[in-house]
Amino acid sequence: MDGKARADAFGRVEATTSYLGAWSKPSPFTASISGMWAVLVAAATSLGAAVVSGAQWWSSRRPKR
């Protein structure tokens, strides 16, 4: 055996061998996502929930005809 390969539950493969470079290709580009996206998504979700809640409250306060 020339080396070993190991994969975890998330699909990350770690391999060590002197012949790995002969058949491997460069890894695909990984996305660079900052914490700002998480803040924007949380704000948008909160705003959406507030709008829906406010609309339900407003419609319950109007007199029925």
Protein backbone atom coordinates (compact mmCIF):
# COMPACT_ATOMS: atom_id res chain seq x y z
CA MET A 1 0.00 0.00 0.00
CA ASP A 2 1.27 3.41 -0.91
CA GLY A 3 -1.03 5.55 1.25
CA LYS A 4 -4.41 5.84 2.86
CA ALA A 5 -7.69 7.66 2.32
CA ARG A 6 -10.28 8.63 4.87
CA ALA A 7 -13.75 10.19 4.44
CA ASP A 8 -15.85 11.79 7.15
CA ALA A 9 -19.65 12.02 7.42
CA PHE A 10 -19.68 15.30 5.48
CA GLY A 11 -17.93 13.93 2.40
CA ARG A 12 -14.51 15.43 3.05
CA VAL A 13 -11.82 13.04 1.86
CA GLU A 14 -8.32 13.10 3.27
CA ALA A 15 -5.79 11.08 1.30
CA THR A 16 -2.07 10.64 1.57
CA THR A 17 -0.02 9.01 -1.14
CA SER A 18 2.93 9.85 -3.32
CA TYR A 19 0.90 9.08 -6.48
CA LEU A 20 -2.15 11.21 -5.64
CA GLY A 21 -1.13 14.04 -7.99
CA ALA A 22 -1.17 11.74 -11.02
CA TRP A 23 -4.97 11.34 -11.10
CA SER A 24 -6.38 14.15 -8.99
CA LYS A 25 -7.72 17.42 -10.32
CA PRO A 26 -7.97 20.82 -8.65
CA SER A 27 -10.86 21.18 -6.23
CA PRO A 28 -13.84 23.28 -7.32
CA PHE A 29 -14.18 26.88 -6.18
CA THR A 30 -15.65 27.17 -2.70
CA ALA A 31 -18.10 29.94 -1.89
CA SER A 32 -16.91 32.71 0.36
CA ILE A 33 -19.88 33.57 2.55
CA SER A 34 -19.40 36.11 5.30
CA GLY A 35 -21.32 36.56 8.51
CA MET A 36 -23.00 39.60 6.95
CA TRP A 37 -25.22 37.27 4.90
CA ALA A 38 -26.42 35.61 8.10
CA VAL A 39 -27.28 39.01 9.57
CA LEU A 40 -29.16 40.04 6.43
CA VAL A 41 -31.13 36.79 6.30
CA ALA A 42 -32.02 37.06 10.00
CA ALA A 43 -33.19 40.65 9.52
CA ALA A 44 -35.27 39.76 6.46
CA THR A 45 -36.85 36.81 8.28
CA SER A 46 -37.67 38.95 11.32
CA LEU A 47 -39.15 41.68 9.15
CA GLY A 48 -41.27 39.16 7.23
CA ALA A 49 -42.57 37.63 10.45
CA ALA A 50 -43.39 41.08 11.83
CA VAL A 51 -45.28 42.05 8.68
CA VAL A 52 -47.34 38.85 8.71
CA SER A 53 -48.04 39.17 12.42
CA GLY A 54 -48.99 42.83 12.06
CA ALA A 55 -51.29 42.09 9.14
CA GLN A 56 -53.08 39.38 11.14
CA TRP A 57 -53.40 41.69 14.15
CA TRP A 58 -54.67 44.54 11.97
CA SER A 59 -57.27 42.37 10.26
CA SER A 60 -58.56 41.10 13.62
CA ARG A 61 -59.04 44.70 14.88
CA ARG A 62 -61.16 45.85 11.93
CA PRO A 63 -64.91 45.65 12.42
CA LYS A 64 -66.64 42.87 10.52
CA ARG A 65 -69.36 43.90 8.05
